[in-house]
Amino acid sequence: QVQLVESGGGLVQPVGSLRLSCAASGSIFSINAMGWCRQPPGKQRELVAIITSGGTTNTAESVKGRFTISRGNAKNTVYLQMNSLGPEDTAVYYCNARLTRYMAGNELVYWGQGTQVTVSS
């Protein structure tokens, strides 16, 4: 059993800031990468940012320079600092992780429940 739980979403005004958090728990042997995706209303889910266990990051062009992804000291947490938010950032944000469970040799992707971010005046 593996679970990812997001927090930190909410309503924010344009150009405001918000920080999302995600914690992974369960029978996890190792985590190779964690990241964030988002799904705007009526649109498909899209990549926002990812970070590997080695610290390498990859951020979508649409949020580059505004969003920053980072890992917690425990390595089972990931954060997304969002600055200069605009209405186009309104979406459900999902945490995801590529990890290996105990007694399993293959790597799988797990998803969180999602947290709503609404940018509006």
Protein backbone atom coordinates (compact mmCIF):
# COMPACT_ATOMS: atom_id res chain seq x y z
CA GLN A 1 0.00 0.00 0.00
CA VAL A 2 1.35 3.37 -1.13
CA GLN A 3 -0.34 6.73 -0.78
CA LEU A 4 0.53 10.24 -1.86
CA VAL A 5 -1.28 13.10 -0.13
CA GLU A 6 -1.22 16.68 -1.41
CA SER A 7 -1.92 19.82 0.57
CA GLY A 8 -1.63 23.57 0.23
CA GLY A 9 -4.14 24.30 -2.49
CA GLY A 10 -6.75 27.01 -2.31
CA LEU A 11 -7.96 30.31 -3.68
CA VAL A 12 -5.39 32.99 -4.46
CA GLN A 13 -5.46 36.32 -6.26
CA PRO A 14 -3.46 36.97 -9.45
CA VAL A 15 0.29 37.47 -8.94
CA GLY A 16 -0.06 35.81 -5.58
CA SER A 17 1.94 32.84 -4.31
CA LEU A 18 1.13 29.39 -3.04
CA ARG A 19 3.15 26.39 -1.92
CA LEU A 20 1.96 22.83 -2.45
CA SER A 21 3.21 19.88 -0.44
CA CYS A 22 3.07 16.15 -1.05
CA ALA A 23 4.04 13.30 1.24
CA ALA A 24 4.47 9.69 0.17
CA SER A 25 3.89 6.88 2.63
CA GLY A 26 3.55 3.11 2.69
CA SER A 27 5.72 0.12 1.88
CA ILE A 28 8.22 2.08 -0.18
CA PHE A 29 11.68 0.72 -0.86
CA SER A 30 12.98 3.65 -2.84
CA ILE A 31 11.75 6.73 -4.66
CA ASN A 32 13.41 7.55 -7.95
CA ALA A 33 11.50 10.71 -8.77
CA MET A 34 8.62 12.86 -7.62
CA GLY A 35 6.74 15.54 -9.44
CA TRP A 36 3.64 17.54 -10.10
CA CYS A 37 1.08 17.48 -12.88
CA ARG A 38 -2.03 19.59 -13.27
CA GLN A 39 -5.36 19.36 -15.02
CA PRO A 40 -7.12 22.61 -15.93
CA PRO A 41 -10.91 22.49 -16.30
CA GLY A 42 -11.89 20.69 -19.50
CA LYS A 43 -8.29 19.92 -20.44
CA GLN A 44 -5.93 16.98 -20.23
CA ARG A 45 -3.43 16.50 -17.48
CA GLU A 46 -0.07 18.10 -18.15
CA LEU A 47 3.38 17.95 -16.62
CA VAL A 48 4.39 20.81 -14.35
CA ALA A 49 7.71 19.76 -12.85
CA ILE A 50 9.68 16.73 -11.71
CA ILE A 51 12.71 16.14 -9.54
CA THR A 52 14.83 12.99 -9.38
CA SER A 53 16.53 11.39 -6.41
CA GLY A 54 19.75 12.93 -7.67
CA GLY A 55 18.31 16.43 -7.58
CA THR A 56 17.84 16.92 -11.31
CA THR A 57 14.78 19.02 -12.11
CA ASN A 58 12.64 19.45 -15.19
CA THR A 59 10.06 22.22 -15.37
CA ALA A 60 7.46 22.92 -18.02
CA GLU A 61 8.12 25.97 -20.14
CA SER A 62 4.79 27.52 -19.17
CA VAL A 63 5.79 27.72 -15.51
CA LYS A 64 9.55 28.07 -15.77
CA GLY A 65 10.81 31.01 -13.77
CA ARG A 66 7.65 31.09 -11.67
CA PHE A 67 7.40 27.61 -10.17
CA THR A 68 10.11 25.80 -8.25
CA ILE A 69 10.09 22.14 -7.30
CA SER A 70 12.10 20.79 -4.38
CA ARG A 71 12.45 17.71 -2.18
CA GLY A 72 12.22 17.58 1.57
CA ASN A 73 15.01 16.32 3.80
CA ALA A 74 13.17 13.05 4.35
CA LYS A 75 13.12 12.46 0.58
CA ASN A 76 9.54 11.23 0.75
CA THR A 77 8.15 14.74 0.33
CA VAL A 78 8.04 17.15 -2.56
CA TYR A 79 7.10 20.81 -2.71
CA LEU A 80 5.97 23.14 -5.45
CA GLN A 81 6.50 26.83 -4.82
CA MET A 82 4.24 28.80 -7.14
CA ASN A 83 4.82 32.51 -7.66
CA SER A 84 3.25 35.10 -9.95
CA LEU A 85 0.13 33.01 -10.31
CA GLY A 86 -2.38 33.80 -13.03
CA PRO A 87 -5.82 32.51 -14.02
CA GLU A 88 -4.16 30.13 -16.48
CA ASP A 89 -2.70 28.28 -13.50
CA THR A 90 -6.13 27.31 -12.20
CA ALA A 91 -6.25 23.52 -12.10
CA VAL A 92 -6.27 20.44 -9.96
CA TYR A 93 -2.66 19.72 -9.08
CA TYR A 94 -1.59 16.10 -8.70
CA CYS A 95 1.50 14.78 -7.01
CA ASN A 96 3.14 11.74 -8.54
CA ALA A 97 6.05 9.49 -7.73
CA ARG A 98 8.12 6.85 -9.46
CA LEU A 99 9.01 4.32 -6.81
CA THR A 100 9.81 0.72 -6.00
CA ARG A 101 7.85 -1.07 -3.29
CA TYR A 102 9.28 -3.62 -0.90
CA MET A 103 9.45 -7.12 -2.40
CA ALA A 104 9.05 -5.74 -5.90
CA GLY A 105 11.72 -5.18 -8.50
CA ASN A 106 9.81 -3.04 -10.94
CA GLU A 107 9.27 0.70 -10.81
CA LEU A 108 5.71 2.02 -10.77
CA VAL A 109 4.07 5.43 -10.91
CA TYR A 110 1.68 6.47 -8.14
CA TRP A 111 -0.68 9.43 -8.05
CA GLY A 112 -2.12 11.54 -5.31
CA GLN A 113 -5.73 12.58 -4.91
CA GLY A 114 -5.10 16.10 -6.15
CA THR A 115 -5.53 19.55 -4.67
CA GLN A 116 -7.47 22.43 -6.21
CA VAL A 117 -5.71 25.67 -7.04
CA THR A 118 -7.90 28.56 -8.12
CA VAL A 119 -6.45 31.89 -9.23
CA SER A 120 -9.10 34.58 -9.36
CA SER A 121 -9.65 38.19 -8.40
